[in-house]
Amino acid sequence: QSSGYAETHFPDQPIKLSFQATGSRVLVTAKIGEEVKR
């Protein structure tokens, strides 16, 4: 909400979750190992 971008890593898994604001939309991305879901 403040900067338009946020990411975090899972506490005990090699997974990154991110939110990227683009106008009135947000791109939600999960990087799970080599797999990327958006």
PDB file of all heavy atoms in Angstrom:
ATOM      1  N   GLN A   1       0.829  -1.208   0.000  1.00  0.00           N
ATOM      2  CA  GLN A   1       0.000   0.000   0.000  1.00  0.00           C
ATOM      3  C   GLN A   1       0.866   1.262   0.000  1.00  0.00           C
ATOM      4  O   GLN A   1       0.502   2.258  -0.603  1.00  0.00           O
ATOM      5  CB  GLN A   1      -0.957   0.013   1.198  1.00  0.00           C
ATOM      6  CG  GLN A   1      -2.067  -1.004   1.092  1.00  0.00           C
ATOM      7  CD  GLN A   1      -2.985  -0.995   2.295  1.00  0.00           C
ATOM      8  OE1 GLN A   1      -4.168  -0.738   2.155  1.00  0.00           O
ATOM      9  NE2 GLN A   1      -2.459  -1.278   3.474  1.00  0.00           N
ATOM     10  N   SER A   2       2.021   1.220   0.658  1.00  0.00           N
ATOM     11  CA  SER A   2       2.852   2.423   0.750  1.00  0.00           C
ATOM     12  C   SER A   2       3.836   2.558  -0.413  1.00  0.00           C
ATOM     13  O   SER A   2       4.055   3.657  -0.906  1.00  0.00           O
ATOM     14  CB  SER A   2       3.613   2.462   2.076  1.00  0.00           C
ATOM     15  OG  SER A   2       4.514   1.387   2.165  1.00  0.00           O
ATOM     16  N   SER A   3       4.416   1.429  -0.874  1.00  0.00           N
ATOM     17  CA  SER A   3       5.459   1.537  -1.896  1.00  0.00           C
ATOM     18  C   SER A   3       5.097   0.884  -3.226  1.00  0.00           C
ATOM     19  O   SER A   3       5.823   1.044  -4.201  1.00  0.00           O
ATOM     20  CB  SER A   3       6.756   0.916  -1.383  1.00  0.00           C
ATOM     21  OG  SER A   3       6.636  -0.489  -1.325  1.00  0.00           O
ATOM     22  N   GLY A   4       4.017   0.104  -3.252  1.00  0.00           N
ATOM     23  CA  GLY A   4       3.627  -0.553  -4.494  1.00  0.00           C
ATOM     24  C   GLY A   4       4.263  -1.918  -4.707  1.00  0.00           C
ATOM     25  O   GLY A   4       3.952  -2.610  -5.671  1.00  0.00           O
ATOM     26  N   TYR A   5       5.169  -2.318  -3.799  1.00  0.00           N
ATOM     27  CA  TYR A   5       5.802  -3.630  -3.942  1.00  0.00           C
ATOM     28  C   TYR A   5       6.087  -4.210  -2.562  1.00  0.00           C
ATOM     29  O   TYR A   5       6.510  -3.492  -1.651  1.00  0.00           O
ATOM     30  CB  TYR A   5       7.125  -3.547  -4.720  1.00  0.00           C
ATOM     31  CG  TYR A   5       7.776  -4.903  -4.897  1.00  0.00           C
ATOM     32  CD1 TYR A   5       7.312  -5.778  -5.867  1.00  0.00           C
ATOM     33  CD2 TYR A   5       8.817  -5.310  -4.076  1.00  0.00           C
ATOM     34  CE1 TYR A   5       7.886  -7.044  -6.019  1.00  0.00           C
ATOM     35  CE2 TYR A   5       9.401  -6.565  -4.227  1.00  0.00           C
ATOM     36  CZ  TYR A   5       8.925  -7.426  -5.199  1.00  0.00           C
ATOM     37  OH  TYR A   5       9.479  -8.671  -5.342  1.00  0.00           O
ATOM     38  N   ALA A   6       5.861  -5.504  -2.433  1.00  0.00           N
ATOM     39  CA  ALA A   6       6.194  -6.198  -1.193  1.00  0.00           C
ATOM     40  C   ALA A   6       6.514  -7.649  -1.524  1.00  0.00           C
ATOM     41  O   ALA A   6       5.930  -8.229  -2.436  1.00  0.00           O
ATOM     42  CB  ALA A   6       5.027  -6.136  -0.211  1.00  0.00           C
ATOM     43  N   GLU A   7       7.459  -8.192  -0.787  1.00  0.00           N
ATOM     44  CA  GLU A   7       7.775  -9.608  -0.958  1.00  0.00           C
ATOM     45  C   GLU A   7       8.134 -10.197   0.398  1.00  0.00           C
ATOM     46  O   GLU A   7       8.521  -9.474   1.322  1.00  0.00           O
ATOM     47  CB  GLU A   7       8.920  -9.828  -1.943  1.00  0.00           C
ATOM     48  CG  GLU A   7      10.263  -9.356  -1.457  1.00  0.00           C
ATOM     49  CD  GLU A   7      11.379  -9.624  -2.464  1.00  0.00           C
ATOM     50  OE1 GLU A   7      11.172  -9.456  -3.679  1.00  0.00           O
ATOM     51  OE2 GLU A   7      12.474 -10.005  -2.001  1.00  0.00           O
ATOM     52  N   THR A   8       8.003 -11.504   0.490  1.00  0.00           N
ATOM     53  CA  THR A   8       8.414 -12.219   1.687  1.00  0.00           C
ATOM     54  C   THR A   8       8.828 -13.621   1.293  1.00  0.00           C
ATOM     55  O   THR A   8       8.407 -14.130   0.253  1.00  0.00           O
ATOM     56  CB  THR A   8       7.284 -12.253   2.747  1.00  0.00           C
ATOM     57  OG1 THR A   8       7.838 -12.681   3.986  1.00  0.00           O
ATOM     58  CG2 THR A   8       6.156 -13.200   2.352  1.00  0.00           C
ATOM     59  N   HIS A   9       9.647 -14.200   2.127  1.00  0.00           N
ATOM     60  CA  HIS A   9      10.008 -15.603   1.973  1.00  0.00           C
ATOM     61  C   HIS A   9       9.267 -16.382   3.042  1.00  0.00           C
ATOM     62  O   HIS A   9       9.050 -15.888   4.146  1.00  0.00           O
ATOM     63  CB  HIS A   9      11.520 -15.792   2.110  1.00  0.00           C
ATOM     64  CG  HIS A   9      12.270 -15.245   0.947  1.00  0.00           C
ATOM     65  ND1 HIS A   9      12.653 -13.927   0.863  1.00  0.00           N
ATOM     66  CD2 HIS A   9      12.666 -15.824  -0.201  1.00  0.00           C
ATOM     67  CE1 HIS A   9      13.274 -13.722  -0.279  1.00  0.00           C
ATOM     68  NE2 HIS A   9      13.289 -14.859  -0.954  1.00  0.00           N
ATOM     69  N   PHE A  10       8.888 -17.591   2.722  1.00  0.00           N
ATOM     70  CA  PHE A  10       8.240 -18.447   3.706  1.00  0.00           C
ATOM     71  C   PHE A  10       9.225 -18.697   4.847  1.00  0.00           C
ATOM     72  O   PHE A  10      10.443 -18.710   4.629  1.00  0.00           O
ATOM     73  CB  PHE A  10       7.806 -19.763   3.052  1.00  0.00           C
ATOM     74  CG  PHE A  10       6.494 -19.677   2.316  1.00  0.00           C
ATOM     75  CD1 PHE A  10       6.182 -18.601   1.498  1.00  0.00           C
ATOM     76  CD2 PHE A  10       5.562 -20.682   2.457  1.00  0.00           C
ATOM     77  CE1 PHE A  10       4.969 -18.535   0.829  1.00  0.00           C
ATOM     78  CE2 PHE A  10       4.339 -20.637   1.787  1.00  0.00           C
ATOM     79  CZ  PHE A  10       4.045 -19.560   0.980  1.00  0.00           C
ATOM     80  N   PRO A  11       8.714 -18.908   6.054  1.00  0.00           N
ATOM     81  CA  PRO A  11       9.600 -19.072   7.212  1.00  0.00           C
ATOM     82  C   PRO A  11      10.605 -20.215   7.077  1.00  0.00           C
ATOM     83  O   PRO A  11      11.757 -20.065   7.468  1.00  0.00           O
ATOM     84  CB  PRO A  11       8.647 -19.337   8.374  1.00  0.00           C
ATOM     85  CG  PRO A  11       7.335 -18.794   7.934  1.00  0.00           C
ATOM     86  CD  PRO A  11       7.301 -18.917   6.444  1.00  0.00           C
ATOM     87  N   ASP A  12      10.190 -21.350   6.502  1.00  0.00           N
ATOM     88  CA  ASP A  12      11.063 -22.515   6.504  1.00  0.00           C
ATOM     89  C   ASP A  12      11.017 -23.274   5.182  1.00  0.00           C
ATOM     90  O   ASP A  12      11.254 -24.479   5.149  1.00  0.00           O
ATOM     91  CB  ASP A  12      10.672 -23.445   7.675  1.00  0.00           C
ATOM     92  CG  ASP A  12      11.786 -24.404   8.055  1.00  0.00           C
ATOM     93  OD1 ASP A  12      12.949 -23.963   8.115  1.00  0.00           O
ATOM     94  OD2 ASP A  12      11.492 -25.591   8.284  1.00  0.00           O
ATOM     95  N   GLN A  13      10.664 -22.565   4.105  1.00  0.00           N
ATOM     96  CA  GLN A  13      10.596 -23.184   2.777  1.00  0.00           C
ATOM     97  C   GLN A  13      11.250 -22.234   1.775  1.00  0.00           C
ATOM     98  O   GLN A  13      11.200 -21.017   1.961  1.00  0.00           O
ATOM     99  CB  GLN A  13       9.134 -23.388   2.333  1.00  0.00           C
ATOM    100  CG  GLN A  13       8.356 -24.355   3.173  1.00  0.00           C
ATOM    101  CD  GLN A  13       8.403 -25.764   2.609  1.00  0.00           C
ATOM    102  OE1 GLN A  13       9.285 -26.115   1.850  1.00  0.00           O
ATOM    103  NE2 GLN A  13       7.454 -26.577   3.005  1.00  0.00           N
ATOM    104  N   PRO A  14      11.833 -22.756   0.707  1.00  0.00           N
ATOM    105  CA  PRO A  14      12.438 -21.884  -0.313  1.00  0.00           C
ATOM    106  C   PRO A  14      11.366 -21.332  -1.264  1.00  0.00           C
ATOM    107  O   PRO A  14      11.373 -21.618  -2.459  1.00  0.00           O
ATOM    108  CB  PRO A  14      13.424 -22.815  -1.026  1.00  0.00           C
ATOM    109  CG  PRO A  14      12.768 -24.168  -0.908  1.00  0.00           C
ATOM    110  CD  PRO A  14      12.060 -24.175   0.426  1.00  0.00           C
ATOM    111  N   ILE A  15      10.453 -20.557  -0.705  1.00  0.00           N
ATOM    112  CA  ILE A  15       9.333 -20.012  -1.481  1.00  0.00           C
ATOM    113  C   ILE A  15       9.298 -18.511  -1.254  1.00  0.00           C
ATOM    114  O   ILE A  15       9.390 -18.039  -0.119  1.00  0.00           O
ATOM    115  CB  ILE A  15       7.996 -20.636  -1.035  1.00  0.00           C
ATOM    116  CG1 ILE A  15       8.010 -22.148  -1.261  1.00  0.00           C
ATOM    117  CG2 ILE A  15       6.820 -19.988  -1.779  1.00  0.00           C
ATOM    118  CD1 ILE A  15       6.841 -22.885  -0.630  1.00  0.00           C
ATOM    119  N   LYS A  16       9.151 -17.762  -2.349  1.00  0.00           N
ATOM    120  CA  LYS A  16       9.019 -16.303  -2.252  1.00  0.00           C
ATOM    121  C   LYS A  16       7.654 -15.898  -2.789  1.00  0.00           C
ATOM    122  O   LYS A  16       7.247 -16.314  -3.873  1.00  0.00           O
ATOM    123  CB  LYS A  16      10.119 -15.604  -3.046  1.00  0.00           C
ATOM    124  CG  LYS A  16      10.025 -14.076  -2.951  1.00  0.00           C
ATOM    125  CD  LYS A  16      11.229 -13.380  -3.554  1.00  0.00           C
ATOM    126  CE  LYS A  16      11.077 -13.210  -5.028  1.00  0.00           C
ATOM    127  NZ  LYS A  16      12.136 -12.363  -5.631  1.00  0.00           N
ATOM    128  N   LEU A  17       6.962 -15.078  -2.020  1.00  0.00           N
ATOM    129  CA  LEU A  17       5.670 -14.536  -2.413  1.00  0.00           C
ATOM    130  C   LEU A  17       5.838 -13.039  -2.575  1.00  0.00           C
ATOM    131  O   LEU A  17       6.440 -12.382  -1.720  1.00  0.00           O
ATOM    132  CB  LEU A  17       4.628 -14.836  -1.331  1.00  0.00           C
ATOM    133  CG  LEU A  17       3.205 -14.344  -1.580  1.00  0.00           C
ATOM    134  CD1 LEU A  17       2.566 -15.090  -2.766  1.00  0.00           C
ATOM    135  CD2 LEU A  17       2.350 -14.524  -0.326  1.00  0.00           C
ATOM    136  N   SER A  18       5.318 -12.491  -3.690  1.00  0.00           N
ATOM    137  CA  SER A  18       5.425 -11.044  -3.882  1.00  0.00           C
ATOM    138  C   SER A  18       4.130 -10.456  -4.422  1.00  0.00           C
ATOM    139  O   SER A  18       3.341 -11.144  -5.083  1.00  0.00           O
ATOM    140  CB  SER A  18       6.587 -10.704  -4.830  1.00  0.00           C
ATOM    141  OG  SER A  18       6.340 -11.195  -6.129  1.00  0.00           O
ATOM    142  N   PHE A  19       3.930  -9.185  -4.081  1.00  0.00           N
ATOM    143  CA  PHE A  19       2.809  -8.384  -4.578  1.00  0.00           C
ATOM    144  C   PHE A  19       3.399  -7.159  -5.270  1.00  0.00           C
ATOM    145  O   PHE A  19       4.171  -6.419  -4.661  1.00  0.00           O
ATOM    146  CB  PHE A  19       1.910  -7.883  -3.435  1.00  0.00           C
ATOM    147  CG  PHE A  19       1.226  -8.944  -2.615  1.00  0.00           C
ATOM    148  CD1 PHE A  19       0.792  -8.649  -1.339  1.00  0.00           C
ATOM    149  CD2 PHE A  19       0.990 -10.217  -3.102  1.00  0.00           C
ATOM    150  CE1 PHE A  19       0.138  -9.601  -0.555  1.00  0.00           C
ATOM    151  CE2 PHE A  19       0.340 -11.176  -2.328  1.00  0.00           C
ATOM    152  CZ  PHE A  19      -0.081 -10.866  -1.053  1.00  0.00           C
ATOM    153  N   GLN A  20       3.043  -6.950  -6.538  1.00  0.00           N
ATOM    154  CA  GLN A  20       3.513  -5.792  -7.304  1.00  0.00           C
ATOM    155  C   GLN A  20       2.299  -5.019  -7.806  1.00  0.00           C
ATOM    156  O   GLN A  20       1.546  -5.525  -8.638  1.00  0.00           O
ATOM    157  CB  GLN A  20       4.360  -6.246  -8.497  1.00  0.00           C
ATOM    158  CG  GLN A  20       4.725  -5.144  -9.466  1.00  0.00           C
ATOM    159  CD  GLN A  20       5.782  -4.209  -8.924  1.00  0.00           C
ATOM    160  OE1 GLN A  20       6.849  -4.645  -8.522  1.00  0.00           O
ATOM    161  NE2 GLN A  20       5.484  -2.926  -8.899  1.00  0.00           N
ATOM    162  N   ALA A  21       2.110  -3.818  -7.268  1.00  0.00           N
ATOM    163  CA  ALA A  21       0.978  -2.995  -7.688  1.00  0.00           C
ATOM    164  C   ALA A  21       1.260  -2.383  -9.058  1.00  0.00           C
ATOM    165  O   ALA A  21       2.358  -1.907  -9.328  1.00  0.00           O
ATOM    166  CB  ALA A  21       0.722  -1.894  -6.668  1.00  0.00           C
ATOM    167  N   THR A  22       0.247  -2.444  -9.925  1.00  0.00           N
ATOM    168  CA  THR A  22       0.319  -1.800 -11.237  1.00  0.00           C
ATOM    169  C   THR A  22      -1.031  -1.131 -11.461  1.00  0.00           C
ATOM    170  O   THR A  22      -1.983  -1.781 -11.895  1.00  0.00           O
ATOM    171  CB  THR A  22       0.609  -2.826 -12.356  1.00  0.00           C
ATOM    172  OG1 THR A  22      -0.357  -3.876 -12.275  1.00  0.00           O
ATOM    173  CG2 THR A  22       1.993  -3.416 -12.242  1.00  0.00           C
ATOM    174  N   GLY A  23      -1.108   0.136 -11.106  1.00  0.00           N
ATOM    175  CA  GLY A  23      -2.385   0.843 -11.198  1.00  0.00           C
ATOM    176  C   GLY A  23      -3.371   0.284 -10.196  1.00  0.00           C
ATOM    177  O   GLY A  23      -3.069   0.168  -9.010  1.00  0.00           O
ATOM    178  N   SER A  24      -4.530  -0.109 -10.689  1.00  0.00           N
ATOM    179  CA  SER A  24      -5.561  -0.645  -9.797  1.00  0.00           C
ATOM    180  C   SER A  24      -5.486  -2.165  -9.664  1.00  0.00           C
ATOM    181  O   SER A  24      -6.381  -2.791  -9.117  1.00  0.00           O
ATOM    182  CB  SER A  24      -6.945  -0.256 -10.325  1.00  0.00           C
ATOM    183  OG  SER A  24      -7.172  -0.894 -11.572  1.00  0.00           O
ATOM    184  N   ARG A  25      -4.396  -2.757 -10.160  1.00  0.00           N
ATOM    185  CA  ARG A  25      -4.210  -4.203 -10.118  1.00  0.00           C
ATOM    186  C   ARG A  25      -2.958  -4.551  -9.330  1.00  0.00           C
ATOM    187  O   ARG A  25      -2.084  -3.715  -9.146  1.00  0.00           O
ATOM    188  CB  ARG A  25      -4.086  -4.787 -11.536  1.00  0.00           C
ATOM    189  CG  ARG A  25      -5.085  -4.295 -12.544  1.00  0.00           C
ATOM    190  CD  ARG A  25      -6.382  -5.008 -12.630  1.00  0.00           C
ATOM    191  NE  ARG A  25      -6.345  -6.437 -12.756  1.00  0.00           N
ATOM    192  CZ  ARG A  25      -7.394  -7.195 -12.450  1.00  0.00           C
ATOM    193  NH1 ARG A  25      -8.515  -6.643 -12.034  1.00  0.00           N
ATOM    194  NH2 ARG A  25      -7.338  -8.503 -12.566  1.00  0.00           N
ATOM    195  N   VAL A  26      -2.885  -5.798  -8.898  1.00  0.00           N
ATOM    196  CA  VAL A  26      -1.695  -6.299  -8.209  1.00  0.00           C
ATOM    197  C   VAL A  26      -1.312  -7.625  -8.849  1.00  0.00           C
ATOM    198  O   VAL A  26      -2.143  -8.518  -8.991  1.00  0.00           O
ATOM    199  CB  VAL A  26      -1.950  -6.496  -6.694  1.00  0.00           C
ATOM    200  CG1 VAL A  26      -0.751  -7.170  -6.037  1.00  0.00           C
ATOM    201  CG2 VAL A  26      -2.251  -5.180  -6.008  1.00  0.00           C
ATOM    202  N   LEU A  27      -0.032  -7.719  -9.233  1.00  0.00           N
ATOM    203  CA  LEU A  27       0.504  -8.974  -9.740  1.00  0.00           C
ATOM    204  C   LEU A  27       0.967  -9.780  -8.530  1.00  0.00           C
ATOM    205  O   LEU A  27       1.824  -9.343  -7.767  1.00  0.00           O
ATOM    206  CB  LEU A  27       1.681  -8.718 -10.688  1.00  0.00           C
ATOM    207  CG  LEU A  27       2.352  -9.962 -11.277  1.00  0.00           C
ATOM    208  CD1 LEU A  27       1.374 -10.758 -12.145  1.00  0.00           C
ATOM    209  CD2 LEU A  27       3.584  -9.565 -12.077  1.00  0.00           C
ATOM    210  N   VAL A  28       0.364 -10.953  -8.345  1.00  0.00           N
ATOM    211  CA  VAL A  28       0.692 -11.847  -7.242  1.00  0.00           C
ATOM    212  C   VAL A  28       1.578 -12.942  -7.817  1.00  0.00           C
ATOM    213  O   VAL A  28       1.200 -13.615  -8.774  1.00  0.00           O
ATOM    214  CB  VAL A  28      -0.591 -12.462  -6.627  1.00  0.00           C
ATOM    215  CG1 VAL A  28      -0.239 -13.392  -5.485  1.00  0.00           C
ATOM    216  CG2 VAL A  28      -1.549 -11.373  -6.174  1.00  0.00           C
ATOM    217  N   THR A  29       2.780 -13.107  -7.240  1.00  0.00           N
ATOM    218  CA  THR A  29       3.728 -14.085  -7.759  1.00  0.00           C
ATOM    219  C   THR A  29       4.254 -14.959  -6.627  1.00  0.00           C
ATOM    220  O   THR A  29       4.605 -14.453  -5.563  1.00  0.00           O
ATOM    221  CB  THR A  29       4.931 -13.377  -8.430  1.00  0.00           C
ATOM    222  OG1 THR A  29       4.448 -12.481  -9.426  1.00  0.00           O
ATOM    223  CG2 THR A  29       5.886 -14.378  -9.055  1.00  0.00           C
ATOM    224  N   ALA A  30       4.288 -16.257  -6.877  1.00  0.00           N
ATOM    225  CA  ALA A  30       4.921 -17.191  -5.952  1.00  0.00           C
ATOM    226  C   ALA A  30       6.020 -17.915  -6.717  1.00  0.00           C
ATOM    227  O   ALA A  30       5.773 -18.497  -7.774  1.00  0.00           O
ATOM    228  CB  ALA A  30       3.920 -18.188  -5.401  1.00  0.00           C
ATOM    229  N   LYS A  31       7.239 -17.836  -6.205  1.00  0.00           N
ATOM    230  CA  LYS A  31       8.366 -18.568  -6.792  1.00  0.00           C
ATOM    231  C   LYS A  31       8.635 -19.748  -5.861  1.00  0.00           C
ATOM    232  O   LYS A  31       9.042 -19.570  -4.712  1.00  0.00           O
ATOM    233  CB  LYS A  31       9.597 -17.675  -6.915  1.00  0.00           C
ATOM    234  CG  LYS A  31      10.721 -18.340  -7.678  1.00  0.00           C
ATOM    235  CD  LYS A  31      11.835 -17.356  -7.988  1.00  0.00           C
ATOM    236  CE  LYS A  31      12.892 -17.908  -8.905  1.00  0.00           C
ATOM    237  NZ  LYS A  31      13.406 -19.218  -8.644  1.00  0.00           N
ATOM    238  N   ILE A  32       8.337 -20.935  -6.366  1.00  0.00           N
ATOM    239  CA  ILE A  32       8.437 -22.170  -5.595  1.00  0.00           C
ATOM    240  C   ILE A  32       9.517 -23.012  -6.256  1.00  0.00           C
ATOM    241  O   ILE A  32       9.255 -23.676  -7.258  1.00  0.00           O
ATOM    242  CB  ILE A  32       7.073 -22.903  -5.568  1.00  0.00           C
ATOM    243  CG1 ILE A  32       5.977 -21.963  -5.063  1.00  0.00           C
ATOM    244  CG2 ILE A  32       7.160 -24.180  -4.750  1.00  0.00           C
ATOM    245  CD1 ILE A  32       4.573 -22.353  -5.461  1.00  0.00           C
ATOM    246  N   GLY A  33      10.730 -22.937  -5.732  1.00  0.00           N
ATOM    247  CA  GLY A  33      11.849 -23.594  -6.405  1.00  0.00           C
ATOM    248  C   GLY A  33      12.046 -22.940  -7.764  1.00  0.00           C
ATOM    249  O   GLY A  33      12.195 -21.730  -7.864  1.00  0.00           O
ATOM    250  N   GLU A  34      11.986 -23.740  -8.802  1.00  0.00           N
ATOM    251  CA  GLU A  34      12.126 -23.213 -10.166  1.00  0.00           C
ATOM    252  C   GLU A  34      10.776 -22.816 -10.773  1.00  0.00           C
ATOM    253  O   GLU A  34      10.727 -22.172 -11.810  1.00  0.00           O
ATOM    254  CB  GLU A  34      12.812 -24.243 -11.073  1.00  0.00           C
ATOM    255  CG  GLU A  34      14.242 -24.549 -10.663  1.00  0.00           C
ATOM    256  CD  GLU A  34      15.118 -23.300 -10.618  1.00  0.00           C
ATOM    257  OE1 GLU A  34      15.125 -22.528 -11.595  1.00  0.00           O
ATOM    258  OE2 GLU A  34      15.798 -23.097  -9.592  1.00  0.00           O
ATOM    259  N   GLU A  35       9.692 -23.233 -10.134  1.00  0.00           N
ATOM    260  CA  GLU A  35       8.354 -22.949 -10.651  1.00  0.00           C
ATOM    261  C   GLU A  35       7.895 -21.551 -10.240  1.00  0.00           C
ATOM    262  O   GLU A  35       8.129 -21.122  -9.103  1.00  0.00           O
ATOM    263  CB  GLU A  35       7.368 -23.989 -10.106  1.00  0.00           C
ATOM    264  CG  GLU A  35       5.953 -23.820 -10.628  1.00  0.00           C
ATOM    265  CD  GLU A  35       4.984 -24.820 -10.022  1.00  0.00           C
ATOM    266  OE1 GLU A  35       5.355 -25.549  -9.082  1.00  0.00           O
ATOM    267  OE2 GLU A  35       3.845 -24.854 -10.502  1.00  0.00           O
ATOM    268  N   VAL A  36       7.260 -20.857 -11.169  1.00  0.00           N
ATOM    269  CA  VAL A  36       6.720 -19.533 -10.877  1.00  0.00           C
ATOM    270  C   VAL A  36       5.229 -19.536 -11.211  1.00  0.00           C
ATOM    271  O   VAL A  36       4.840 -19.940 -12.305  1.00  0.00           O
ATOM    272  CB  VAL A  36       7.441 -18.431 -11.685  1.00  0.00           C
ATOM    273  CG1 VAL A  36       6.813 -17.067 -11.429  1.00  0.00           C
ATOM    274  CG2 VAL A  36       8.921 -18.404 -11.346  1.00  0.00           C
ATOM    275  N   LYS A  37       4.418 -19.104 -10.246  1.00  0.00           N
ATOM    276  CA  LYS A  37       2.977 -18.980 -10.469  1.00  0.00           C
ATOM    277  C   LYS A  37       2.620 -17.516 -10.339  1.00  0.00           C
ATOM    278  O   LYS A  37       3.042 -16.855  -9.380  1.00  0.00           O
ATOM    279  CB  LYS A  37       2.198 -19.797  -9.440  1.00  0.00           C
ATOM    280  CG  LYS A  37       2.416 -21.291  -9.518  1.00  0.00           C
ATOM    281  CD  LYS A  37       1.576 -21.991  -8.475  1.00  0.00           C
ATOM    282  CE  LYS A  37       1.795 -23.483  -8.453  1.00  0.00           C
ATOM    283  NZ  LYS A  37       0.983 -24.131  -7.409  1.00  0.00           N
ATOM    284  N   ARG A  38       1.829 -17.018 -11.303  1.00  0.00           N
ATOM    285  CA  ARG A  38       1.455 -15.598 -11.304  1.00  0.00           C
ATOM    286  C   ARG A  38      -0.023 -15.441 -11.601  1.00  0.00           C
ATOM    287  O   ARG A  38      -0.599 -16.204 -12.364  1.00  0.00           O
ATOM    288  CB  ARG A  38       2.209 -14.842 -12.389  1.00  0.00           C
ATOM    289  CG  ARG A  38       3.650 -14.613 -12.137  1.00  0.00           C
ATOM    290  CD  ARG A  38       4.239 -13.664 -13.190  1.00  0.00           C
ATOM    291  NE  ARG A  38       5.633 -13.407 -12.916  1.00  0.00           N
ATOM    292  CZ  ARG A  38       6.631 -14.081 -13.444  1.00  0.00           C
ATOM    293  NH1 ARG A  38       6.394 -15.042 -14.298  1.00  0.00           N
ATOM    294  NH2 ARG A  38       7.871 -13.794 -13.130  1.00  0.00           N
TER     295      ARG A  38
END
